[in-house]
């Protein structure tokens, strides 16, 4: 399991930076994944970042550190200094029988992350929340 790529970057936790973050992630992982898998990685990244901005920092300023490493698996780690909170603890079953117009907005982010990634974990380490997402690489890439 030899690491073939590793990088990390710290971003201001603001929605205005979302596009920049998505481009940064895509530029680092695009040669290792198919277009279909890239779209899943981007959706999971977007959901993770938006959740951190909206829930960890609310209206306060903060930072998000994103660490990427690639071996036979992509490892994406999102670090924030918000209050201790395990977003996986609020994972809900999604009722697809309910009319979409009658559903309240939000609440699908964690569902989408689990649909897009192969493994998702949360840890609290020192003063950081860590959301760890993994996606296996196709052997053709």
Protein backbone atom coordinates (compact mmCIF):
# COMPACT_ATOMS: atom_id res chain seq x y z
CA UNK A 1 0.00 0.00 0.00
CA UNK A 2 2.45 2.59 -1.25
CA UNK A 3 1.25 6.17 -1.17
CA UNK A 4 1.44 7.74 -4.63
CA UNK A 5 0.12 11.20 -3.78
CA UNK A 6 -0.29 13.37 -0.70
CA UNK A 7 -1.27 17.02 -0.24
CA UNK A 8 -3.10 19.25 2.21
CA UNK A 9 -4.46 22.78 2.18
CA UNK A 10 -6.18 25.09 4.64
CA UNK A 11 -9.15 27.13 3.44
CA UNK A 12 -11.30 29.80 5.06
CA UNK A 13 -14.62 28.20 5.99
CA UNK A 14 -16.87 30.31 3.78
CA UNK A 15 -19.34 29.32 1.08
CA UNK A 16 -17.60 31.70 -1.32
CA UNK A 17 -14.61 29.29 -1.24
CA UNK A 18 -16.61 26.17 -2.11
CA UNK A 19 -15.83 26.28 -5.84
CA UNK A 20 -12.12 26.82 -5.14
CA UNK A 21 -12.10 23.85 -2.77
CA UNK A 22 -13.84 21.60 -5.31
CA UNK A 23 -11.34 22.58 -8.01
CA UNK A 24 -8.43 22.00 -5.63
CA UNK A 25 -9.68 18.47 -4.83
CA UNK A 26 -10.44 17.66 -8.51
CA UNK A 27 -6.99 18.80 -9.67
CA UNK A 28 -5.34 16.46 -7.19
CA UNK A 29 -7.40 13.32 -7.74
CA UNK A 30 -8.64 13.49 -11.35
CA UNK A 31 -5.92 11.30 -12.84
CA UNK A 32 -6.68 8.52 -10.37
CA UNK A 33 -10.47 8.21 -10.91
CA UNK A 34 -13.07 7.87 -13.65
CA UNK A 35 -15.41 10.79 -14.38
CA UNK A 36 -18.24 8.96 -12.60
CA UNK A 37 -16.15 8.48 -9.46
CA UNK A 38 -14.89 12.10 -9.64
CA UNK A 39 -18.49 13.31 -9.59
CA UNK A 40 -19.16 11.21 -6.48
CA UNK A 41 -16.02 12.51 -4.79
CA UNK A 42 -17.00 16.10 -5.60
CA UNK A 43 -20.54 15.65 -4.29
CA UNK A 44 -19.26 14.11 -1.04
CA UNK A 45 -16.67 16.90 -0.71
CA UNK A 46 -19.29 19.58 -1.31
CA UNK A 47 -21.62 18.10 1.30
CA UNK A 48 -18.81 17.77 3.86
CA UNK A 49 -17.57 21.34 3.33
CA UNK A 50 -21.05 22.90 3.40
CA UNK A 51 -21.86 20.98 6.60
CA UNK A 52 -18.69 22.26 8.26
CA UNK A 53 -19.34 25.85 7.19
CA UNK A 54 -23.01 25.84 8.22
CA UNK A 55 -22.85 23.72 11.35
CA UNK A 56 -19.34 23.75 12.83
CA UNK A 57 -18.76 27.46 12.44
CA UNK A 58 -22.32 28.72 11.95
CA UNK A 59 -21.75 32.44 11.35
CA UNK A 60 -18.26 32.56 12.87
CA UNK A 61 -14.97 32.61 10.98
CA UNK A 62 -13.01 29.40 10.87
CA UNK A 63 -10.71 27.20 8.84
CA UNK A 64 -11.10 23.86 7.09
CA UNK A 65 -8.02 21.77 6.50
CA UNK A 66 -8.36 19.17 3.78
CA UNK A 67 -5.83 16.38 3.50
CA UNK A 68 -5.70 14.10 0.47
CA UNK A 69 -3.68 10.94 0.09
CA UNK A 70 -3.92 8.32 -2.60
CA UNK A 71 -2.71 4.74 -2.68
CA UNK A 72 -5.12 2.04 -3.86
CA UNK A 73 -7.69 4.15 -2.02
CA UNK A 74 -8.41 7.87 -1.86
CA UNK A 75 -8.28 9.18 1.71
CA UNK A 76 -9.98 12.56 2.17
CA UNK A 77 -9.77 14.07 5.65
CA UNK A 78 -11.67 17.23 6.58
CA UNK A 79 -10.52 18.95 9.79
CA UNK A 80 -12.32 21.74 11.58
CA UNK A 81 -12.12 23.35 15.02
CA UNK A 82 -15.85 23.62 15.56
CA UNK A 83 -17.50 22.22 18.70
CA UNK A 84 -17.23 18.46 19.07
CA UNK A 85 -19.90 16.97 16.83
CA UNK A 86 -20.17 13.64 15.08
CA UNK A 87 -22.22 14.29 11.92
CA UNK A 88 -22.64 10.55 11.44
CA UNK A 89 -24.62 10.35 14.69
CA UNK A 90 -27.52 12.21 13.05
CA UNK A 91 -27.60 9.96 10.00
CA UNK A 92 -31.24 9.35 9.17
CA UNK A 93 -33.01 6.83 7.04
CA UNK A 94 -34.39 8.64 4.03
CA UNK A 95 -38.08 8.13 3.31
CA UNK A 96 -38.29 8.05 -0.47
CA UNK A 97 -42.04 7.48 -0.34
CA UNK A 98 -42.63 11.02 0.93
CA UNK A 99 -43.50 13.65 -1.69
CA UNK A 100 -40.40 15.76 -2.34
CA UNK A 101 -42.47 18.96 -2.04
CA UNK A 102 -43.49 17.96 1.50
CA UNK A 103 -39.99 17.17 2.73
CA UNK A 104 -38.20 19.80 4.74
CA UNK A 105 -35.02 21.15 3.22
CA UNK A 106 -31.69 19.62 4.19
CA UNK A 107 -30.82 16.44 5.99
CA UNK A 108 -29.62 14.53 2.92
CA UNK A 109 -25.94 15.51 3.03
CA UNK A 110 -24.73 12.58 5.13
CA UNK A 111 -26.92 10.24 3.07
CA UNK A 112 -25.24 11.49 -0.13
CA UNK A 113 -21.77 11.14 1.39
CA UNK A 114 -22.46 7.50 2.29
CA UNK A 115 -23.86 6.86 -1.21
CA UNK A 116 -20.76 8.34 -2.88
CA UNK A 117 -17.93 7.02 -0.73
CA UNK A 118 -16.87 3.51 0.29
CA UNK A 119 -16.12 4.34 3.90
CA UNK A 120 -16.95 7.31 6.14
CA UNK A 121 -15.74 7.79 9.73
CA UNK A 122 -15.65 10.55 12.31
CA UNK A 123 -13.01 11.16 14.98
CA UNK A 124 -12.36 13.88 17.53
CA UNK A 125 -8.61 14.42 17.84
CA UNK A 126 -7.33 17.11 20.17
CA UNK A 127 -9.47 20.15 19.33
CA UNK A 128 -10.35 18.96 15.80
CA UNK A 129 -13.36 17.25 14.25
CA UNK A 130 -12.11 14.86 11.56
CA UNK A 131 -14.40 13.54 8.86
CA UNK A 132 -12.56 10.75 7.06
CA UNK A 133 -13.86 9.56 3.72
CA UNK A 134 -12.42 6.80 1.57
CA UNK A 135 -12.99 5.79 -2.05
CA UNK A 136 -11.37 2.71 -3.60
CA UNK A 137 -9.62 3.23 -6.91
CA UNK A 138 -10.50 1.29 -10.01
CA UNK A 139 -7.44 -0.77 -10.98
CA UNK A 140 -7.61 0.70 -14.52
CA UNK A 141 -6.62 4.14 -13.20
